[in-house]
Each structure stands twice: as structure tokens, then as C-alpha cells.
C-alpha atoms as a PDB file:
ATOM      1  CA  MET A   1     122.135 132.964 101.583  1.00  0.00           C
ATOM      2  CA  SER A   2     124.191 129.917 100.659  1.00  0.00           C
ATOM      3  CA  PRO A   3     122.604 127.998  97.752  1.00  0.00           C
ATOM      4  CA  TRP A   4     122.622 124.908  99.956  1.00  0.00           C
ATOM      5  CA  SER A   5     121.583 126.422 103.243  1.00  0.00           C
ATOM      6  CA  PRO A   6     119.837 124.307 105.884  1.00  0.00           C
ATOM      7  CA  SER A   7     116.588 126.131 105.148  1.00  0.00           C
ATOM      8  CA  GLU A   8     116.523 124.634 101.652  1.00  0.00           C
ATOM      9  CA  PHE A   9     117.266 121.022 102.575  1.00  0.00           C
ATOM     10  CA  GLU A  10     115.666 120.973 106.026  1.00  0.00           C
ATOM     11  CA  GLY A  11     113.496 117.862 106.193  1.00  0.00           C
ATOM     12  CA  ALA A  12     114.087 116.880 102.562  1.00  0.00           C
ATOM     13  CA  VAL A  13     114.476 113.146 102.013  1.00  0.00           C
ATOM     14  CA  VAL A  14     117.754 112.344 100.284  1.00  0.00           C
ATOM     15  CA  ALA A  15     118.562 108.757  99.311  1.00  0.00           C
ATOM     16  CA  VAL A  16     122.222 107.932  98.699  1.00  0.00           C
ATOM     17  CA  THR A  17     123.253 104.524  97.407  1.00  0.00           C
ATOM     18  CA  GLY A  18     126.698 103.189  98.196  1.00  0.00           C
ATOM     19  CA  ALA A  19     126.696 105.494 101.213  1.00  0.00           C
ATOM     20  CA  ALA A  20     128.625 103.335 103.668  1.00  0.00           C
ATOM     21  CA  GLN A  21     132.032 104.569 102.574  1.00  0.00           C
ATOM     22  CA  GLY A  22     133.992 106.774 100.192  1.00  0.00           C
ATOM     23  CA  ILE A  23     132.200 109.407  98.149  1.00  0.00           C
ATOM     24  CA  GLY A  24     128.773 108.101  99.155  1.00  0.00           C
ATOM     25  CA  ARG A  25     129.523 108.509 102.854  1.00  0.00           C
ATOM     26  CA  SER A  26     130.764 112.051 102.267  1.00  0.00           C
ATOM     27  CA  ILE A  27     127.610 112.880 100.310  1.00  0.00           C
ATOM     28  CA  ALA A  28     125.381 111.491 103.071  1.00  0.00           C
ATOM     29  CA  LEU A  29     127.214 113.479 105.756  1.00  0.00           C
ATOM     30  CA  ALA A  30     127.108 116.664 103.664  1.00  0.00           C
ATOM     31  CA  PHE A  31     123.344 116.522 103.149  1.00  0.00           C
ATOM     32  CA  ALA A  32     122.723 115.610 106.783  1.00  0.00           C
ATOM     33  CA  ALA A  33     124.763 118.639 107.853  1.00  0.00           C
ATOM     34  CA  GLN A  34     122.400 120.801 105.795  1.00  0.00           C
ATOM     35  CA  GLY A  35     119.278 119.490 107.502  1.00  0.00           C
ATOM     36  CA  ALA A  36     118.235 116.697 105.134  1.00  0.00           C
ATOM     37  CA  ASN A  37     116.829 113.379 106.293  1.00  0.00           C
ATOM     38  CA  VAL A  38     119.220 110.892 104.745  1.00  0.00           C
ATOM     39  CA  ALA A  39     118.703 107.290 103.682  1.00  0.00           C
ATOM     40  CA  VAL A  40     122.102 105.607 103.912  1.00  0.00           C
ATOM     41  CA  ILE A  41     121.749 102.769 101.416  1.00  0.00           C
ATOM     42  CA  ASP A  42     124.378 100.075 101.032  1.00  0.00           C
ATOM     43  CA  VAL A  43     124.801  96.342 100.639  1.00  0.00           C
ATOM     44  CA  GLN A  44     126.976  96.485 103.785  1.00  0.00           C
ATOM     45  CA  GLU A  45     124.288  97.094 106.383  1.00  0.00           C
ATOM     46  CA  ALA A  46     126.604  97.274 109.407  1.00  0.00           C
ATOM     47  CA  ALA A  47     128.758  99.911 107.718  1.00  0.00           C
ATOM     48  CA  ALA A  48     125.628 101.862 106.745  1.00  0.00           C
ATOM     49  CA  GLN A  49     124.493 101.767 110.379  1.00  0.00           C
ATOM     50  CA  ALA A  50     127.853 103.252 111.401  1.00  0.00           C
ATOM     51  CA  VAL A  51     127.274 106.206 109.060  1.00  0.00           C
ATOM     52  CA  VAL A  52     123.793 106.664 110.523  1.00  0.00           C
ATOM     53  CA  ARG A  53     125.270 106.800 114.018  1.00  0.00           C
ATOM     54  CA  GLU A  54     127.751 109.391 112.800  1.00  0.00           C
ATOM     55  CA  ILE A  55     124.927 111.520 111.398  1.00  0.00           C
ATOM     56  CA  GLU A  56     122.825 111.151 114.536  1.00  0.00           C
ATOM     57  CA  ALA A  57     125.784 112.120 116.713  1.00  0.00           C
ATOM     58  CA  GLY A  58     125.832 115.422 114.829  1.00  0.00           C
ATOM     59  CA  GLY A  59     122.141 115.990 115.462  1.00  0.00           C
ATOM     60  CA  GLY A  60     120.899 114.773 112.085  1.00  0.00           C
ATOM     61  CA  ARG A  61     118.297 112.217 111.097  1.00  0.00           C
ATOM     62  CA  ALA A  62     119.114 109.161 108.998  1.00  0.00           C
ATOM     63  CA  VAL A  63     118.175 105.540 108.437  1.00  0.00           C
ATOM     64  CA  ALA A  64     120.249 102.652 107.132  1.00  0.00           C
ATOM     65  CA  VAL A  65     118.742 100.556 104.372  1.00  0.00           C
ATOM     66  CA  ALA A  66     120.337  97.333 103.155  1.00  0.00           C
ATOM     67  CA  CYS A  67     120.154  96.926  99.392  1.00  0.00           C
ATOM     68  CA  ASP A  68     121.807  94.969  96.618  1.00  0.00           C
ATOM     69  CA  VAL A  69     121.390  97.630  93.965  1.00  0.00           C
ATOM     70  CA  SER A  70     122.005  95.160  91.149  1.00  0.00           C
ATOM     71  CA  LYS A  71     118.751  93.373  91.978  1.00  0.00           C
ATOM     72  CA  ARG A  72     115.435  94.950  90.952  1.00  0.00           C
ATOM     73  CA  GLU A  73     113.485  93.455  93.860  1.00  0.00           C
ATOM     74  CA  SER A  74     116.043  94.717  96.380  1.00  0.00           C
ATOM     75  CA  VAL A  75     115.850  98.237  94.945  1.00  0.00           C
ATOM     76  CA  ARG A  76     112.054  98.199  95.073  1.00  0.00           C
ATOM     77  CA  ALA A  77     112.121  97.042  98.689  1.00  0.00           C
ATOM     78  CA  ALA A  78     114.657  99.741  99.565  1.00  0.00           C
ATOM     79  CA  VAL A  79     112.518 102.502  98.058  1.00  0.00           C
ATOM     80  CA  GLY A  80     109.595 101.245 100.112  1.00  0.00           C
ATOM     81  CA  ALA A  81     111.679 101.146 103.279  1.00  0.00           C
ATOM     82  CA  VAL A  82     112.914 104.710 102.761  1.00  0.00           C
ATOM     83  CA  THR A  83     109.407 105.975 102.076  1.00  0.00           C
ATOM     84  CA  ASP A  84     108.009 104.241 105.159  1.00  0.00           C
ATOM     85  CA  SER A  85     110.773 105.571 107.417  1.00  0.00           C
ATOM     86  CA  LEU A  86     111.369 109.101 106.100  1.00  0.00           C
ATOM     87  CA  GLY A  87     108.788 109.911 103.429  1.00  0.00           C
ATOM     88  CA  GLY A  88     108.967 110.322  99.668  1.00  0.00           C
ATOM     89  CA  ILE A  89     112.407 110.662  98.119  1.00  0.00           C
ATOM     90  CA  ARG A  90     113.055 114.208  96.913  1.00  0.00           C
ATOM     91  CA  VAL A  91     116.695 113.684  95.910  1.00  0.00           C
ATOM     92  CA  LEU A  92     118.090 110.394  94.625  1.00  0.00           C
ATOM     93  CA  ILE A  93     121.832 109.971  94.348  1.00  0.00           C
ATOM     94  CA  SER A  94     122.704 106.770  92.511  1.00  0.00           C
ATOM     95  CA  ASN A  95     126.280 106.362  93.652  1.00  0.00           C
ATOM     96  CA  ALA A  96     126.903 102.690  94.497  1.00  0.00           C
ATOM     97  CA  GLY A  97     129.866 101.207  92.705  1.00  0.00           C
ATOM     98  CA  ILE A  98     132.436  98.448  92.482  1.00  0.00           C
ATOM     99  CA  THR A  99     135.542  97.770  90.437  1.00  0.00           C
ATOM    100  CA  ARG A 100     136.615  94.451  88.968  1.00  0.00           C
ATOM    101  CA  PRO A 101     139.739  95.436  87.014  1.00  0.00           C
ATOM    102  CA  ALA A 102     141.276  93.142  84.424  1.00  0.00           C
ATOM    103  CA  MET A 103     142.878  93.544  81.042  1.00  0.00           C
ATOM    104  CA  ILE A 104     140.577  92.930  78.086  1.00  0.00           C
ATOM    105  CA  ARG A 105     142.004  89.532  77.219  1.00  0.00           C
ATOM    106  CA  LYS A 106     141.596  88.285  80.793  1.00  0.00           C
ATOM    107  CA  MET A 107     138.295  89.866  81.831  1.00  0.00           C
ATOM    108  CA  THR A 108     135.625  87.301  82.646  1.00  0.00           C
ATOM    109  CA  ASP A 109     131.914  87.483  81.952  1.00  0.00           C
ATOM    110  CA  GLU A 110     131.374  87.580  85.707  1.00  0.00           C
ATOM    111  CA  GLN A 111     133.612  90.647  86.100  1.00  0.00           C
ATOM    112  CA  TRP A 112     131.776  92.362  83.259  1.00  0.00           C
ATOM    113  CA  ASP A 113     128.304  91.484  84.555  1.00  0.00           C
ATOM    114  CA  GLN A 114     129.063  92.494  88.150  1.00  0.00           C
ATOM    115  CA  VAL A 115     130.274  95.970  87.228  1.00  0.00           C
ATOM    116  CA  VAL A 116     127.541  96.636  84.678  1.00  0.00           C
ATOM    117  CA  GLY A 117     124.961  95.362  87.166  1.00  0.00           C
ATOM    118  CA  VAL A 118     126.027  97.593  90.043  1.00  0.00           C
ATOM    119  CA  HIS A 119     126.602 100.724  87.977  1.00  0.00           C
ATOM    120  CA  LEU A 120     124.341 100.745  84.933  1.00  0.00           C
ATOM    121  CA  ASN A 121     121.513  98.326  85.695  1.00  0.00           C
ATOM    122  CA  ALA A 122     121.198  99.668  89.224  1.00  0.00           C
ATOM    123  CA  SER A 123     120.962 103.256  88.011  1.00  0.00           C
ATOM    124  CA  PHE A 124     118.082 102.264  85.737  1.00  0.00           C
ATOM    125  CA  TYR A 125     116.315 100.330  88.499  1.00  0.00           C
ATOM    126  CA  TRP A 126     116.526 103.257  90.916  1.00  0.00           C
ATOM    127  CA  LEU A 127     115.517 105.751  88.263  1.00  0.00           C
ATOM    128  CA  GLN A 128     112.437 103.762  87.338  1.00  0.00           C
ATOM    129  CA  GLU A 129     111.381 103.093  90.932  1.00  0.00           C
ATOM    130  CA  VAL A 130     111.484 106.747  92.054  1.00  0.00           C
ATOM    131  CA  VAL A 131     110.089 108.445  88.948  1.00  0.00           C
ATOM    132  CA  GLU A 132     106.376 107.918  89.602  1.00  0.00           C
ATOM    133  CA  PRO A 133     106.494 109.151  93.226  1.00  0.00           C
ATOM    134  CA  MET A 134     108.524 112.181  92.133  1.00  0.00           C
ATOM    135  CA  ILE A 135     106.006 113.015  89.409  1.00  0.00           C
ATOM    136  CA  GLU A 136     103.181 112.759  91.950  1.00  0.00           C
ATOM    137  CA  ALA A 137     105.135 115.026  94.332  1.00  0.00           C
ATOM    138  CA  GLY A 138     105.659 117.670  91.649  1.00  0.00           C
ATOM    139  CA  GLY A 139     109.323 117.099  90.924  1.00  0.00           C
ATOM    140  CA  GLY A 140     112.678 115.996  92.263  1.00  0.00           C
ATOM    141  CA  ARG A 141     116.375 115.644  91.577  1.00  0.00           C
ATOM    142  CA  ILE A 142     118.240 112.582  90.342  1.00  0.00           C
ATOM    143  CA  ILE A 143     122.021 112.621  90.340  1.00  0.00           C
ATOM    144  CA  PHE A 144     124.181 109.806  89.015  1.00  0.00           C
ATOM    145  CA  THR A 145     127.797 109.227  89.970  1.00  0.00           C
ATOM    146  CA  SER A 146     129.618 108.661  86.715  1.00  0.00           C
ATOM    147  CA  SER A 147     133.399 108.988  86.441  1.00  0.00           C
ATOM    148  CA  SER A 148     136.144 110.745  84.566  1.00  0.00           C
ATOM    149  CA  THR A 149     136.836 107.217  83.283  1.00  0.00           C
ATOM    150  CA  ALA A 150     133.597 107.414  81.270  1.00  0.00           C
ATOM    151  CA  GLN A 151     135.116 110.216  79.238  1.00  0.00           C
ATOM    152  CA  ASN A 152     138.820 109.355  79.353  1.00  0.00           C
ATOM    153  CA  GLY A 153     138.778 105.553  79.331  1.00  0.00           C
ATOM    154  CA  SER A 154     141.002 103.491  81.589  1.00  0.00           C
ATOM    155  CA  ILE A 155     143.444 100.649  81.085  1.00  0.00           C
ATOM    156  CA  GLY A 156     142.109  97.470  82.680  1.00  0.00           C
ATOM    157  CA  GLN A 157     138.609  98.827  83.191  1.00  0.00           C
ATOM    158  CA  VAL A 158     136.596  98.347  80.015  1.00  0.00           C
ATOM    159  CA  ASN A 159     133.696  97.114  82.167  1.00  0.00           C
ATOM    160  CA  TYR A 160     133.776 100.169  84.446  1.00  0.00           C
ATOM    161  CA  ALA A 161     134.278 102.682  81.636  1.00  0.00           C
ATOM    162  CA  ALA A 162     131.487 101.131  79.564  1.00  0.00           C
ATOM    163  CA  ALA A 163     129.063 101.109  82.512  1.00  0.00           C
ATOM    164  CA  LYS A 164     129.856 104.690  83.474  1.00  0.00           C
ATOM    165  CA  SER A 165     129.547 105.836  79.851  1.00  0.00           C
ATOM    166  CA  GLY A 166     126.223 104.064  79.544  1.00  0.00           C
ATOM    167  CA  MET A 167     125.093 105.847  82.677  1.00  0.00           C
ATOM    168  CA  LEU A 168     125.617 109.186  80.909  1.00  0.00           C
ATOM    169  CA  GLY A 169     123.361 108.102  78.043  1.00  0.00           C
ATOM    170  CA  LEU A 170     120.771 107.011  80.572  1.00  0.00           C
ATOM    171  CA  MET A 171     121.060 110.347  82.367  1.00  0.00           C
ATOM    172  CA  ARG A 172     120.665 112.487  79.245  1.00  0.00           C
ATOM    173  CA  SER A 173     117.697 110.511  77.961  1.00  0.00           C
ATOM    174  CA  ALA A 174     116.005 110.641  81.359  1.00  0.00           C
ATOM    175  CA  ALA A 175     116.610 114.396  81.545  1.00  0.00           C
ATOM    176  CA  LYS A 176     114.840 114.908  78.219  1.00  0.00           C
ATOM    177  CA  GLU A 177     111.922 112.702  79.170  1.00  0.00           C
ATOM    178  CA  LEU A 178     111.407 113.935  82.731  1.00  0.00           C
ATOM    179  CA  GLY A 179     111.995 117.665  82.434  1.00  0.00           C
ATOM    180  CA  ARG A 180     108.292 118.286  81.817  1.00  0.00           C
ATOM    181  CA  TYR A 181     107.638 116.887  85.301  1.00  0.00           C
ATOM    182  CA  ASN A 182     110.155 119.182  87.001  1.00  0.00           C
ATOM    183  CA  ILE A 183     112.535 116.285  87.573  1.00  0.00           C
ATOM    184  CA  LEU A 184     116.105 117.365  86.905  1.00  0.00           C
ATOM    185  CA  VAL A 185     118.597 114.629  86.059  1.00  0.00           C
ATOM    186  CA  ASN A 186     122.351 115.229  86.103  1.00  0.00           C
ATOM    187  CA  ALA A 187     125.619 113.451  86.792  1.00  0.00           C
ATOM    188  CA  VAL A 188     128.863 114.077  88.606  1.00  0.00           C
ATOM    189  CA  ALA A 189     132.070 112.710  87.085  1.00  0.00           C
ATOM    190  CA  PRO A 190     134.624 112.586  89.898  1.00  0.00           C
ATOM    191  CA  ALA A 191     138.225 111.421  90.091  1.00  0.00           C
ATOM    192  CA  ALA A 192     138.824 110.646  93.747  1.00  0.00           C
ATOM    193  CA  LEU A 193     141.018 108.279  95.705  1.00  0.00           C
ATOM    194  CA  THR A 194     138.756 105.958  97.704  1.00  0.00           C
ATOM    195  CA  ASP A 195     138.934 102.388  98.982  1.00  0.00           C
ATOM    196  CA  MET A 196     137.110 101.323  95.805  1.00  0.00           C
ATOM    197  CA  THR A 197     139.435 103.118  93.382  1.00  0.00           C
ATOM    198  CA  ARG A 198     142.715 102.769  95.279  1.00  0.00           C
ATOM    199  CA  THR A 199     143.899  99.681  93.388  1.00  0.00           C
ATOM    200  CA  VAL A 200     143.421 101.087  89.910  1.00  0.00           C
ATOM    201  CA  MET A 201     144.645 104.552  90.905  1.00  0.00           C
ATOM    202  CA  THR A 202     147.863 103.431  92.589  1.00  0.00           C
ATOM    203  CA  ASP A 203     148.914 100.417  90.500  1.00  0.00           C
ATOM    204  CA  PRO A 204     151.181 101.603  87.636  1.00  0.00           C
ATOM    205  CA  LYS A 205     149.934  98.873  85.290  1.00  0.00           C
ATOM    206  CA  PHE A 206     146.559 100.613  85.115  1.00  0.00           C
ATOM    207  CA  GLY A 207     148.127 103.864  83.994  1.00  0.00           C
ATOM    208  CA  ALA A 208     146.651 106.131  86.676  1.00  0.00           C
ATOM    209  CA  ASP A 209     148.794 109.198  87.177  1.00  0.00           C
ATOM    210  CA  PRO A 210     147.962 112.208  89.370  1.00  0.00           C
ATOM    211  CA  SER A 211     150.108 114.342  87.067  1.00  0.00           C
ATOM    212  CA  LYS A 212     147.266 114.057  84.525  1.00  0.00           C
ATOM    213  CA  SER A 213     145.341 116.379  86.810  1.00  0.00           C
ATOM    214  CA  THR A 214     146.313 120.024  86.644  1.00  0.00           C
ATOM    215  CA  LEU A 215     146.300 119.961  90.453  1.00  0.00           C
ATOM    216  CA  ARG A 216     148.839 117.094  90.483  1.00  0.00           C
ATOM    217  CA  ARG A 217     146.885 115.002  92.988  1.00  0.00           C
ATOM    218  CA  PHE A 218     143.796 112.883  93.392  1.00  0.00           C
ATOM    219  CA  ALA A 219     140.742 114.292  95.170  1.00  0.00           C
ATOM    220  CA  GLU A 220     139.533 113.278  98.602  1.00  0.00           C
ATOM    221  CA  PRO A 221     135.868 112.198  98.867  1.00  0.00           C
ATOM    222  CA  GLU A 222     135.009 115.317 100.885  1.00  0.00           C
ATOM    223  CA  GLU A 223     136.008 117.458  97.900  1.00  0.00           C
ATOM    224  CA  ILE A 224     133.436 115.729  95.681  1.00  0.00           C
ATOM    225  CA  ALA A 225     130.337 115.990  97.885  1.00  0.00           C
ATOM    226  CA  PRO A 226     129.675 119.739  97.356  1.00  0.00           C
ATOM    227  CA  ALA A 227     128.951 119.073  93.673  1.00  0.00           C
ATOM    228  CA  TYR A 228     125.944 116.986  94.706  1.00  0.00           C
ATOM    229  CA  LEU A 229     124.718 119.696  97.059  1.00  0.00           C
ATOM    230  CA  PHE A 230     124.883 122.144  94.175  1.00  0.00           C
ATOM    231  CA  LEU A 231     122.994 119.911  91.744  1.00  0.00           C
ATOM    232  CA  ALA A 232     120.299 119.219  94.341  1.00  0.00           C
ATOM    233  CA  SER A 233     119.873 122.887  95.237  1.00  0.00           C
ATOM    234  CA  SER A 234     117.910 125.752  93.739  1.00  0.00           C
ATOM    235  CA  ALA A 235     121.224 127.148  92.480  1.00  0.00           C
ATOM    236  CA  SER A 236     121.054 124.560  89.673  1.00  0.00           C
ATOM    237  CA  SER A 237     117.348 124.970  88.903  1.00  0.00           C
ATOM    238  CA  TYR A 238     118.001 125.403  85.164  1.00  0.00           C
ATOM    239  CA  MET A 239     120.526 122.571  84.804  1.00  0.00           C
ATOM    240  CA  THR A 240     119.530 119.159  83.527  1.00  0.00           C
ATOM    241  CA  GLY A 241     121.196 116.542  81.356  1.00  0.00           C
ATOM    242  CA  GLN A 242     124.615 117.814  82.385  1.00  0.00           C
ATOM    243  CA  VAL A 243     127.838 116.195  83.571  1.00  0.00           C
ATOM    244  CA  LEU A 244     129.660 118.104  86.286  1.00  0.00           C
ATOM    245  CA  SER A 245     133.312 117.031  86.197  1.00  0.00           C
ATOM    246  CA  VAL A 246     135.127 117.198  89.530  1.00  0.00           C
ATOM    247  CA  ASP A 247     138.387 115.750  88.323  1.00  0.00           C
ATOM    248  CA  GLY A 248     141.112 118.298  88.991  1.00  0.00           C
ATOM    249  CA  GLY A 249     141.134 119.282  85.343  1.00  0.00           C
ATOM    250  CA  SER A 250     142.038 115.858  83.975  1.00  0.00           C
ATOM    251  CA  MET A 251     139.500 116.220  81.162  1.00  0.00           C
ATOM    252  CA  MET A 252     141.457 119.132  79.704  1.00  0.00           C
ATOM    253  CA  VAL A 253     144.867 117.514  80.100  1.00  0.00           C
ATOM    254  CA  ARG A 254     145.815 115.209  77.253  1.00  0.00           C
END
């Protein structure tokens, strides 16, 4: 049996933030294809609704939930909306992200605060809001979308690299604290070409270079999603506090 067969995820409630496009959309579609009930969470409600229609057209079940993940009250409302519509969240994937690239000497406080808010603060808000229900349910999975940038750094993205690095500290600490409750907490560190990353990955001034990957190319979002299926499945039942790099080998190329 496949470790992520429909029988394992059938009816499970999976919440994916930033699911209207890019990696988040691919994750939502992948879980829906395996029988999960998916909450498509995004600040762009119309785009989230389009993903829901795509899932429903394939015979799956999903709901769109509008949420500004950088705001605590919006996250709390979103968790309530998901629970009311689908039931308690079994798998949380904190994936929402933005980029606001600028060189250090030109980066504004607003650019710093926006990126830290959407990546790091949001991950904490979601973590805190789902923990109690997961404990009451006997366990769950929490998966953060970090980045190869957290480990490699990136020219023009001190805000993004700092937020993604902070997310890894959050993940490891949460894994240690929540393991006793059968809540496994991990992260995926992808390097994929999406609408969000296109600018920094294709503009030479930011130093992105597909030759730094042993595969000599950037990943497509669909190549990243299976890592989340693995970390949410029973195949990873003894993994927590780990970073799964899906970066074409860039971490080993210096």
C-alpha cells in the first residue's frame, strides 16, 4: 500500500494556508486527490474559491476560507470556520508567504514587518490556535513551509531568510514540546519557481542560479507537494523536528 493512500487520508481535515496558488495550491490538490477534506486558506478569497472548484470538479471536498494570516484574530476566525465546515484540523500546513526583496541598505521597516508577519508570526498564530484541539483529538501533524533560503541565505532577502530561519526554531521547539501529545511538527524547505519567487529567482542581481542545484533547474510546485504527503502520513510516524529539503541538492552544492 502507498504510504499516502486514499484510505489513510480519506475524510481527514487538512488546512493549507496560502493555498490559492503556487506550492500551496499543489499541496491542496495533492491531499484532495488522496481523499482529504481540504481547507483552502488564502487572503485572496476569489482565487481560493477557484481552487475549491478545481478540487470539487475532481470529486473532492474542500472549502475556501479567507484569512490574513498575519493577524491573530483572522487566524482564530479561520480555524473556527474550518472546524464548523469540515471538522477538527488533523493536518495543518502553514505555507502562506510573500516576498518583499530589497538590499539591506534600502529595506524599509514595512518590508521587514510584512515578511516577518506573514511567515513567522503567522506560523506561531496558527500553531497556537490548533494545538489545543489537536491535543484533545489525540494528536495531529503540523508542517511548516520554510525555504532553502533559511539555510543558504539570499541576496536582497534578509527579511525572508530571517523569517524562514526563525520558523525552523519555532518548529523544533514545538516538536519537543508537543511530541508527548502525539503531535508531530516538521518543515519542508523547498526551492521552487512560483509566482511569488519568480522575481528573486530570475533577476541576476539577487544571485539566484539554477546551476547551484545539482539538477540544474528550479523545481515546479507539483514536485514539492509529495513531501507534505509524506510528512502527514504514517510513513513518517517517527519523524519530528526535522527539515525535509526539496531543493534539487542546492544544500550540498557550495
